[in-house]
C-alpha atoms as a PDB file:
ATOM      1  CA  MET A   1     132.917  31.818  69.311  1.00  0.00           C
ATOM      2  CA  ARG A   2     136.477  32.949  69.003  1.00  0.00           C
ATOM      3  CA  ARG A   3     138.524  34.727  71.550  1.00  0.00           C
ATOM      4  CA  ILE A   4     142.140  35.622  72.320  1.00  0.00           C
ATOM      5  CA  LEU A   5     144.412  34.415  75.073  1.00  0.00           C
ATOM      6  CA  ILE A   6     147.360  36.646  75.957  1.00  0.00           C
ATOM      7  CA  LEU A   7     149.775  34.020  77.208  1.00  0.00           C
ATOM      8  CA  ASN A   8     153.035  34.401  75.327  1.00  0.00           C
ATOM      9  CA  GLY A   9     153.789  37.247  77.733  1.00  0.00           C
ATOM     10  CA  GLY A  10     152.420  35.399  80.716  1.00  0.00           C
ATOM     11  CA  PHE A  11     155.587  33.483  81.511  1.00  0.00           C
ATOM     12  CA  ALA A  12     157.367  36.713  82.175  1.00  0.00           C
ATOM     13  CA  ALA A  13     160.904  37.766  82.908  1.00  0.00           C
ATOM     14  CA  VAL A  14     161.184  40.728  85.299  1.00  0.00           C
ATOM     15  CA  ILE A  15     162.565  43.874  83.699  1.00  0.00           C
ATOM     16  CA  ILE A  16     162.245  47.426  85.075  1.00  0.00           C
ATOM     17  CA  LEU A  17     164.597  49.931  83.466  1.00  0.00           C
ATOM     18  CA  LEU A  18     165.528  53.342  84.859  1.00  0.00           C
ATOM     19  CA  THR A  19     168.197  54.732  82.560  1.00  0.00           C
ATOM     20  CA  HIS A  20     169.528  57.939  81.055  1.00  0.00           C
ATOM     21  CA  CYS A  21     167.472  58.775  77.984  1.00  0.00           C
ATOM     22  CA  THR A  22     170.478  58.801  75.606  1.00  0.00           C
ATOM     23  CA  GLU A  23     172.249  55.704  76.902  1.00  0.00           C
ATOM     24  CA  ARG A  24     171.954  52.411  74.994  1.00  0.00           C
ATOM     25  CA  ILE A  25     171.478  49.396  77.260  1.00  0.00           C
ATOM     26  CA  ASN A  26     171.886  45.822  76.017  1.00  0.00           C
ATOM     27  CA  ILE A  27     170.260  43.220  78.241  1.00  0.00           C
ATOM     28  CA  ASP A  28     170.486  39.461  77.978  1.00  0.00           C
ATOM     29  CA  LEU A  29     167.189  37.977  79.100  1.00  0.00           C
ATOM     30  CA  PRO A  30     167.311  34.490  80.608  1.00  0.00           C
ATOM     31  CA  SER A  31     165.192  31.888  78.865  1.00  0.00           C
ATOM     32  CA  THR A  32     162.508  30.140  80.867  1.00  0.00           C
ATOM     33  CA  TYR A  33     161.740  26.460  80.636  1.00  0.00           C
ATOM     34  CA  THR A  34     159.037  25.493  78.174  1.00  0.00           C
ATOM     35  CA  ARG A  35     155.489  24.775  79.343  1.00  0.00           C
ATOM     36  CA  LEU A  36     152.337  23.529  77.692  1.00  0.00           C
ATOM     37  CA  VAL A  37     149.835  26.308  76.933  1.00  0.00           C
ATOM     38  CA  VAL A  38     146.178  25.240  76.747  1.00  0.00           C
ATOM     39  CA  GLU A  39     143.211  27.212  75.410  1.00  0.00           C
ATOM     40  CA  GLY A  40     140.115  25.051  75.770  1.00  0.00           C
ATOM     41  CA  TYR A  41     136.358  25.601  75.877  1.00  0.00           C
ATOM     42  CA  PHE A  42     133.409  23.303  76.488  1.00  0.00           C
ATOM     43  CA  THR A  43     129.916  24.805  76.601  1.00  0.00           C
ATOM     44  CA  THR A  44     126.231  23.982  76.221  1.00  0.00           C
ATOM     45  CA  ASP A  45     126.320  25.070  72.564  1.00  0.00           C
ATOM     46  CA  THR A  46     126.068  22.256  70.007  1.00  0.00           C
ATOM     47  CA  MET A  47     129.244  22.656  67.977  1.00  0.00           C
ATOM     48  CA  ALA A  48     132.775  21.403  67.407  1.00  0.00           C
ATOM     49  CA  HIS A  49     134.413  22.366  70.698  1.00  0.00           C
ATOM     50  CA  THR A  50     138.115  23.147  70.505  1.00  0.00           C
ATOM     51  CA  VAL A  51     141.268  22.785  72.558  1.00  0.00           C
ATOM     52  CA  LYS A  52     144.389  24.557  71.319  1.00  0.00           C
ATOM     53  CA  LEU A  53     147.809  23.306  72.451  1.00  0.00           C
ATOM     54  CA  SER A  54     151.051  25.246  72.069  1.00  0.00           C
ATOM     55  CA  LEU A  55     154.420  25.823  73.733  1.00  0.00           C
ATOM     56  CA  SER A  56     155.113  28.770  76.010  1.00  0.00           C
ATOM     57  CA  ALA A  57     157.689  31.385  75.044  1.00  0.00           C
ATOM     58  CA  ASP A  58     159.819  34.004  76.747  1.00  0.00           C
ATOM     59  CA  TYR A  59     158.293  37.364  77.631  1.00  0.00           C
ATOM     60  CA  PHE A  60     159.590  39.320  74.621  1.00  0.00           C
ATOM     61  CA  TYR A  61     159.019  36.528  72.089  1.00  0.00           C
ATOM     62  CA  ASN A  62     157.050  38.230  69.307  1.00  0.00           C
ATOM     63  CA  LYS A  63     156.193  35.259  67.108  1.00  0.00           C
ATOM     64  CA  PRO A  64     153.179  32.915  67.136  1.00  0.00           C
ATOM     65  CA  LEU A  65     153.465  30.185  69.739  1.00  0.00           C
ATOM     66  CA  GLU A  66     154.679  26.831  68.434  1.00  0.00           C
ATOM     67  CA  PRO A  67     151.787  24.332  68.152  1.00  0.00           C
ATOM     68  CA  VAL A  68     151.807  20.947  69.880  1.00  0.00           C
ATOM     69  CA  SER A  69     150.811  18.125  67.528  1.00  0.00           C
ATOM     70  CA  GLY A  70     150.169  14.437  68.068  1.00  0.00           C
ATOM     71  CA  ALA A  71     148.534  14.728  71.484  1.00  0.00           C
ATOM     72  CA  MET A  72     145.754  12.516  72.790  1.00  0.00           C
ATOM     73  CA  VAL A  73     142.950  14.845  73.949  1.00  0.00           C
ATOM     74  CA  THR A  74     139.649  13.831  75.572  1.00  0.00           C
ATOM     75  CA  ILE A  75     136.815  15.511  77.490  1.00  0.00           C
ATOM     76  CA  THR A  76     134.621  13.458  79.833  1.00  0.00           C
ATOM     77  CA  ASP A  77     131.939  13.858  82.484  1.00  0.00           C
ATOM     78  CA  GLY A  78     132.626  10.380  83.851  1.00  0.00           C
ATOM     79  CA  SER A  79     129.958   8.664  81.793  1.00  0.00           C
ATOM     80  CA  THR A  80     130.472  10.036  78.286  1.00  0.00           C
ATOM     81  CA  THR A  81     133.900  10.632  76.768  1.00  0.00           C
ATOM     82  CA  PHE A  82     134.547  12.796  73.706  1.00  0.00           C
ATOM     83  CA  LEU A  83     137.715  12.289  71.658  1.00  0.00           C
ATOM     84  CA  LEU A  84     139.155  15.432  70.093  1.00  0.00           C
ATOM     85  CA  LYS A  85     140.942  15.033  66.771  1.00  0.00           C
ATOM     86  CA  GLU A  86     143.687  17.329  65.539  1.00  0.00           C
ATOM     87  CA  ASP A  87     142.617  19.582  62.676  1.00  0.00           C
ATOM     88  CA  PRO A  88     144.667  18.561  59.610  1.00  0.00           C
ATOM     89  CA  ASP A  89     144.659  22.182  58.442  1.00  0.00           C
ATOM     90  CA  SER A  90     145.629  23.733  61.798  1.00  0.00           C
ATOM     91  CA  ALA A  91     148.407  22.092  63.797  1.00  0.00           C
ATOM     92  CA  GLY A  92     147.798  22.048  67.543  1.00  0.00           C
ATOM     93  CA  LEU A  93     144.036  22.625  67.243  1.00  0.00           C
ATOM     94  CA  TYR A  94     141.937  19.700  68.482  1.00  0.00           C
ATOM     95  CA  LYS A  95     138.181  19.431  67.859  1.00  0.00           C
ATOM     96  CA  THR A  96     135.218  17.348  68.956  1.00  0.00           C
ATOM     97  CA  ASP A  97     132.610  16.199  66.455  1.00  0.00           C
ATOM     98  CA  PRO A  98     130.235  19.053  65.475  1.00  0.00           C
ATOM     99  CA  ASP A  99     127.199  17.555  67.268  1.00  0.00           C
ATOM    100  CA  VAL A 100     128.718  17.677  70.769  1.00  0.00           C
ATOM    101  CA  PHE A 101     127.338  19.787  73.636  1.00  0.00           C
ATOM    102  CA  GLY A 102     127.855  20.057  77.378  1.00  0.00           C
ATOM    103  CA  GLU A 103     125.035  19.563  79.866  1.00  0.00           C
ATOM    104  CA  GLN A 104     124.138  21.912  82.693  1.00  0.00           C
ATOM    105  CA  GLY A 105     124.929  20.517  86.120  1.00  0.00           C
ATOM    106  CA  HIS A 106     127.669  18.225  84.792  1.00  0.00           C
ATOM    107  CA  THR A 107     131.377  18.508  85.569  1.00  0.00           C
ATOM    108  CA  TYR A 108     133.832  17.924  82.737  1.00  0.00           C
ATOM    109  CA  THR A 109     137.490  16.911  82.774  1.00  0.00           C
ATOM    110  CA  LEU A 110     139.956  17.664  80.004  1.00  0.00           C
ATOM    111  CA  HIS A 111     142.760  15.096  79.704  1.00  0.00           C
ATOM    112  CA  ILE A 112     145.865  15.587  77.564  1.00  0.00           C
ATOM    113  CA  SER A 113     148.489  12.880  77.059  1.00  0.00           C
ATOM    114  CA  ASN A 114     151.134  11.659  74.603  1.00  0.00           C
ATOM    115  CA  VAL A 115     153.093  14.924  74.751  1.00  0.00           C
ATOM    116  CA  ASP A 116     156.731  15.478  75.685  1.00  0.00           C
ATOM    117  CA  ILE A 117     156.934  19.200  76.367  1.00  0.00           C
ATOM    118  CA  ASN A 118     160.358  19.193  78.038  1.00  0.00           C
ATOM    119  CA  GLN A 119     161.755  16.769  75.440  1.00  0.00           C
ATOM    120  CA  ASP A 120     163.264  14.378  77.961  1.00  0.00           C
ATOM    121  CA  GLY A 121     161.943  11.290  76.218  1.00  0.00           C
ATOM    122  CA  VAL A 122     159.171  10.760  78.778  1.00  0.00           C
ATOM    123  CA  THR A 123     155.605  11.741  77.881  1.00  0.00           C
ATOM    124  CA  GLU A 124     153.559  13.823  80.306  1.00  0.00           C
ATOM    125  CA  GLU A 125     149.875  14.050  81.161  1.00  0.00           C
ATOM    126  CA  TYR A 126     147.808  17.141  81.953  1.00  0.00           C
ATOM    127  CA  SER A 127     144.239  17.648  83.084  1.00  0.00           C
ATOM    128  CA  ALA A 128     141.725  20.300  84.119  1.00  0.00           C
ATOM    129  CA  THR A 129     138.222  20.052  85.540  1.00  0.00           C
ATOM    130  CA  GLY A 130     135.308  22.483  85.492  1.00  0.00           C
ATOM    131  CA  PRO A 131     131.533  22.460  86.064  1.00  0.00           C
ATOM    132  CA  ILE A 132     128.817  23.801  83.776  1.00  0.00           C
ATOM    133  CA  HIS A 133     126.581  25.867  86.034  1.00  0.00           C
ATOM    134  CA  PRO A 134     122.825  25.945  85.312  1.00  0.00           C
ATOM    135  CA  MET A 135     121.299  29.099  83.823  1.00  0.00           C
ATOM    136  CA  GLY A 136     117.732  29.935  82.850  1.00  0.00           C
ATOM    137  CA  GLN A 137     116.616  31.634  79.655  1.00  0.00           C
ATOM    138  CA  PRO A 138     116.632  35.468  79.924  1.00  0.00           C
ATOM    139  CA  ASP A 139     113.407  37.330  79.138  1.00  0.00           C
ATOM    140  CA  SER A 140     114.494  40.161  76.864  1.00  0.00           C
ATOM    141  CA  ILE A 141     116.923  42.986  76.152  1.00  0.00           C
ATOM    142  CA  GLN A 142     116.478  46.700  75.580  1.00  0.00           C
ATOM    143  CA  ILE A 143     118.717  48.872  73.384  1.00  0.00           C
ATOM    144  CA  VAL A 144     119.058  52.459  74.621  1.00  0.00           C
ATOM    145  CA  GLU A 145     121.052  55.195  72.882  1.00  0.00           C
ATOM    146  CA  ARG A 146     122.910  57.528  75.257  1.00  0.00           C
ATOM    147  CA  GLU A 147     126.077  59.550  75.776  1.00  0.00           C
ATOM    148  CA  MET A 148     128.900  58.064  77.840  1.00  0.00           C
ATOM    149  CA  PHE A 149     132.225  59.824  78.378  1.00  0.00           C
ATOM    150  CA  TYR A 150     131.465  62.188  75.468  1.00  0.00           C
ATOM    151  CA  THR A 151     130.835  59.236  73.157  1.00  0.00           C
ATOM    152  CA  LYS A 152     127.571  57.969  71.714  1.00  0.00           C
ATOM    153  CA  VAL A 153     126.835  54.404  72.786  1.00  0.00           C
ATOM    154  CA  TRP A 154     123.954  51.971  72.584  1.00  0.00           C
ATOM    155  CA  GLU A 155     123.447  50.399  75.974  1.00  0.00           C
ATOM    156  CA  ILE A 156     122.279  46.768  76.068  1.00  0.00           C
ATOM    157  CA  ARG A 157     120.011  46.265  79.080  1.00  0.00           C
ATOM    158  CA  LEU A 158     119.097  42.808  80.318  1.00  0.00           C
ATOM    159  CA  PHE A 159     115.798  41.636  81.797  1.00  0.00           C
ATOM    160  CA  ALA A 160     116.225  38.278  83.529  1.00  0.00           C
ATOM    161  CA  THR A 161     115.899  36.482  86.854  1.00  0.00           C
ATOM    162  CA  ASP A 162     119.114  35.615  88.667  1.00  0.00           C
ATOM    163  CA  PRO A 163     119.006  32.473  90.853  1.00  0.00           C
ATOM    164  CA  ALA A 164     119.222  33.120  94.590  1.00  0.00           C
ATOM    165  CA  GLU A 165     120.797  29.790  95.528  1.00  0.00           C
ATOM    166  CA  THR A 166     124.186  30.441  93.911  1.00  0.00           C
ATOM    167  CA  GLN A 167     126.757  33.175  93.444  1.00  0.00           C
ATOM    168  CA  ASP A 168     127.048  33.580  89.691  1.00  0.00           C
ATOM    169  CA  TYR A 169     129.594  35.127  87.353  1.00  0.00           C
ATOM    170  CA  TYR A 170     128.597  36.229  83.865  1.00  0.00           C
ATOM    171  CA  MET A 171     130.378  37.101  80.629  1.00  0.00           C
ATOM    172  CA  PHE A 172     128.506  39.183  78.026  1.00  0.00           C
ATOM    173  CA  ARG A 173     129.125  39.555  74.281  1.00  0.00           C
ATOM    174  CA  VAL A 174     127.037  41.010  71.453  1.00  0.00           C
ATOM    175  CA  TYR A 175     126.221  39.839  67.924  1.00  0.00           C
ATOM    176  CA  LYS A 176     124.878  42.092  65.155  1.00  0.00           C
ATOM    177  CA  ASN A 177     123.053  40.251  62.375  1.00  0.00           C
ATOM    178  CA  GLY A 178     124.731  37.019  63.433  1.00  0.00           C
ATOM    179  CA  ILE A 179     128.281  38.412  63.534  1.00  0.00           C
ATOM    180  CA  LEU A 180     130.090  38.399  66.877  1.00  0.00           C
ATOM    181  CA  LEU A 181     131.232  41.955  67.592  1.00  0.00           C
ATOM    182  CA  HIS A 182     133.002  41.333  70.887  1.00  0.00           C
ATOM    183  CA  ASP A 183     135.295  38.500  69.861  1.00  0.00           C
ATOM    184  CA  THR A 184     138.203  39.117  72.246  1.00  0.00           C
ATOM    185  CA  LEU A 185     138.462  38.879  76.015  1.00  0.00           C
ATOM    186  CA  ASN A 186     139.222  42.611  76.138  1.00  0.00           C
ATOM    187  CA  GLU A 187     135.786  43.362  74.669  1.00  0.00           C
ATOM    188  CA  ALA A 188     133.790  40.989  76.851  1.00  0.00           C
ATOM    189  CA  ILE A 189     132.118  42.478  79.920  1.00  0.00           C
ATOM    190  CA  LEU A 190     132.289  40.526  83.167  1.00  0.00           C
ATOM    191  CA  ILE A 191     129.712  40.976  85.927  1.00  0.00           C
ATOM    192  CA  ASP A 192     129.046  39.060  89.121  1.00  0.00           C
ATOM    193  CA  ASP A 193     125.581  38.978  90.672  1.00  0.00           C
ATOM    194  CA  GLU A 194     126.499  40.759  93.907  1.00  0.00           C
ATOM    195  CA  TYR A 195     123.927  43.518  93.355  1.00  0.00           C
ATOM    196  CA  PHE A 196     121.109  41.467  91.815  1.00  0.00           C
ATOM    197  CA  ASN A 197     121.513  38.004  93.333  1.00  0.00           C
ATOM    198  CA  GLY A 198     118.123  36.284  93.447  1.00  0.00           C
ATOM    199  CA  VAL A 199     116.162  39.172  91.958  1.00  0.00           C
ATOM    200  CA  TYR A 200     114.812  40.315  88.585  1.00  0.00           C
ATOM    201  CA  THR A 201     117.426  42.499  86.880  1.00  0.00           C
ATOM    202  CA  MET A 202     114.939  45.069  85.515  1.00  0.00           C
ATOM    203  CA  GLY A 203     117.173  46.279  82.694  1.00  0.00           C
ATOM    204  CA  VAL A 204     120.674  46.209  84.164  1.00  0.00           C
ATOM    205  CA  PRO A 205     123.272  47.485  81.609  1.00  0.00           C
ATOM    206  CA  VAL A 206     125.546  44.597  80.585  1.00  0.00           C
ATOM    207  CA  GLN A 207     127.129  45.571  77.231  1.00  0.00           C
ATOM    208  CA  TYR A 208     127.614  48.522  74.890  1.00  0.00           C
ATOM    209  CA  LEU A 209     127.851  49.285  71.192  1.00  0.00           C
ATOM    210  CA  VAL A 210     130.167  52.234  70.551  1.00  0.00           C
ATOM    211  CA  ALA A 211     129.730  54.844  67.809  1.00  0.00           C
ATOM    212  CA  ARG A 212     133.476  55.178  67.201  1.00  0.00           C
ATOM    213  CA  LYS A 213     133.499  51.560  65.972  1.00  0.00           C
ATOM    214  CA  PRO A 214     131.587  51.622  62.657  1.00  0.00           C
ATOM    215  CA  ASP A 215     130.864  47.886  62.645  1.00  0.00           C
ATOM    216  CA  GLU A 216     129.074  48.230  65.994  1.00  0.00           C
ATOM    217  CA  VAL A 217     126.696  51.057  65.037  1.00  0.00           C
ATOM    218  CA  PRO A 218     123.176  49.587  64.819  1.00  0.00           C
ATOM    219  CA  LYS A 219     120.816  50.516  62.000  1.00  0.00           C
ATOM    220  CA  PRO A 220     117.029  50.147  61.978  1.00  0.00           C
ATOM    221  CA  GLY A 221     116.155  46.528  61.304  1.00  0.00           C
ATOM    222  CA  ASP A 222     119.446  45.116  62.598  1.00  0.00           C
ATOM    223  CA  LYS A 223     119.143  42.023  64.773  1.00  0.00           C
ATOM    224  CA  ILE A 224     121.056  42.537  68.019  1.00  0.00           C
ATOM    225  CA  THR A 225     121.779  39.417  70.065  1.00  0.00           C
ATOM    226  CA  LEU A 226     123.155  39.374  73.594  1.00  0.00           C
ATOM    227  CA  GLU A 227     125.156  36.280  74.527  1.00  0.00           C
ATOM    228  CA  ILE A 228     125.244  35.413  78.225  1.00  0.00           C
ATOM    229  CA  ALA A 229     127.745  32.893  79.595  1.00  0.00           C
ATOM    230  CA  ASN A 230     127.485  31.663  83.189  1.00  0.00           C
ATOM    231  CA  ILE A 231     131.187  31.116  83.844  1.00  0.00           C
ATOM    232  CA  THR A 232     132.996  29.752  86.875  1.00  0.00           C
ATOM    233  CA  LYS A 233     134.516  32.012  89.510  1.00  0.00           C
ATOM    234  CA  GLU A 234     137.970  30.739  88.559  1.00  0.00           C
ATOM    235  CA  TYR A 235     137.500  31.589  84.872  1.00  0.00           C
ATOM    236  CA  TYR A 236     136.084  35.006  85.831  1.00  0.00           C
ATOM    237  CA  PHE A 237     139.298  35.937  87.638  1.00  0.00           C
ATOM    238  CA  PHE A 238     141.454  34.327  84.942  1.00  0.00           C
ATOM    239  CA  ILE A 239     139.888  36.617  82.314  1.00  0.00           C
ATOM    240  CA  LYS A 240     140.391  39.680  84.514  1.00  0.00           C
ATOM    241  CA  GLN A 241     144.075  38.814  84.897  1.00  0.00           C
ATOM    242  CA  VAL A 242     144.479  38.297  81.139  1.00  0.00           C
ATOM    243  CA  ILE A 243     142.833  41.667  80.442  1.00  0.00           C
ATOM    244  CA  GLU A 244     145.088  43.433  82.951  1.00  0.00           C
ATOM    245  CA  MET A 245     148.180  41.890  81.346  1.00  0.00           C
ATOM    246  CA  SER A 246     147.107  42.725  77.798  1.00  0.00           C
ATOM    247  CA  ARG A 247     146.432  46.368  78.680  1.00  0.00           C
ATOM    248  CA  GLY A 248     149.820  46.743  80.323  1.00  0.00           C
ATOM    249  CA  SER A 249     150.724  48.656  83.442  1.00  0.00           C
ATOM    250  CA  GLY A 250     152.788  51.595  84.571  1.00  0.00           C
ATOM    251  CA  PRO A 251     156.590  51.439  85.023  1.00  0.00           C
ATOM    252  CA  PHE A 252     156.289  51.263  88.824  1.00  0.00           C
ATOM    253  CA  SER A 253     153.409  48.804  89.102  1.00  0.00           C
ATOM    254  CA  GLY A 254     155.574  45.728  89.587  1.00  0.00           C
ATOM    255  CA  GLN A 255     156.569  42.776  87.497  1.00  0.00           C
ATOM    256  CA  PRO A 256     154.343  40.970  85.008  1.00  0.00           C
ATOM    257  CA  ALA A 257     153.259  37.634  86.440  1.00  0.00           C
ATOM    258  CA  ASN A 258     151.748  34.375  85.332  1.00  0.00           C
ATOM    259  CA  VAL A 259     147.976  34.323  85.238  1.00  0.00           C
ATOM    260  CA  SER A 260     146.085  31.692  87.202  1.00  0.00           C
ATOM    261  CA  THR A 261     145.153  28.339  85.690  1.00  0.00           C
ATOM    262  CA  ASN A 262     143.041  25.263  86.411  1.00  0.00           C
ATOM    263  CA  LEU A 263     145.474  22.942  84.628  1.00  0.00           C
ATOM    264  CA  THR A 264     147.734  20.432  86.347  1.00  0.00           C
ATOM    265  CA  ASN A 265     151.417  19.575  85.983  1.00  0.00           C
ATOM    266  CA  GLY A 266     152.632  23.141  85.402  1.00  0.00           C
ATOM    267  CA  ALA A 267     150.645  23.836  82.242  1.00  0.00           C
ATOM    268  CA  MET A 268     149.447  27.366  81.472  1.00  0.00           C
ATOM    269  CA  GLY A 269     146.104  28.600  80.164  1.00  0.00           C
ATOM    270  CA  PHE A 270     142.581  27.514  81.060  1.00  0.00           C
ATOM    271  CA  PHE A 271     139.944  24.918  80.300  1.00  0.00           C
ATOM    272  CA  ALA A 272     136.692  26.906  80.474  1.00  0.00           C
ATOM    273  CA  THR A 273     133.308  25.239  80.973  1.00  0.00           C
ATOM    274  CA  TYR A 274     130.079  27.237  80.947  1.00  0.00           C
ATOM    275  CA  SER A 275     126.441  27.401  79.954  1.00  0.00           C
ATOM    276  CA  VAL A 276     125.365  29.830  77.224  1.00  0.00           C
ATOM    277  CA  ARG A 277     122.086  31.619  76.570  1.00  0.00           C
ATOM    278  CA  ARG A 278     121.185  34.207  73.929  1.00  0.00           C
ATOM    279  CA  VAL A 279     118.382  36.706  73.583  1.00  0.00           C
ATOM    280  CA  SER A 280     117.713  38.933  70.548  1.00  0.00           C
ATOM    281  CA  ARG A 281     115.897  42.110  69.589  1.00  0.00           C
ATOM    282  CA  ILE A 282     115.337  43.963  66.302  1.00  0.00           C
ATOM    283  CA  TYR A 283     116.691  47.481  66.621  1.00  0.00           C
ATOM    284  CA  ASN A 284     113.965  50.059  66.013  1.00  0.00           C
ATOM    285  CA  PRO A 285     114.993  53.454  67.434  1.00  0.00           C
END
């Protein structure tokens, strides 16, 4: 699974300009101090889990973030520790072995060391902790063609039982014939279980395929797979903040701000831990 993280604008300078339309204004923006940016995921999927490390940049910095190499990166649940090795072909990208998976009900801690982000000659350490919440296997999905806001869509409806004992937060993505269609945070749909906590969902709409996107249009015989991630409350609100930042805001809506994080020592980003389930259906209209 790949996804984006809009963080190079997250460490934001505050600029609101009200100026005559023909006047040229030159503004010197103050530089902010550099922070570690972390994009990490650990799930119940068996795969090479990744943690990406980079350096933060000023708000209007329009280049890729500088990677952080040479770090010591581990993930542990207190009994088993996984060492992540830096990808020789992608600086700043650290990976577990490909046969690693997280277990439901376990809490995992990411630990990062041997980095000197502020270049003062003293190495720093960073960490983040998150649980993997349990989730049962969903029953099925239904694919229903309909009109929405004058656009043809195919609504993905979920049939599953939501546990009553917990308040759960879900992230939904869709694959078509094994290809992930919703591969950015902007395209994921987030839903909490406020309206179906502890009950059978009976076909609640959770994702959509849109006719104006040709790669999403299903054809007879296509295999449509719904991916369900039971994410933490903290990650749920982190994603919402990232989406709001990436979509921008009006000129009077206030300053851009840093999004929340579960990382220590002033680092930015998030270490996300969650369980994953998938359910598929062959599209036959």
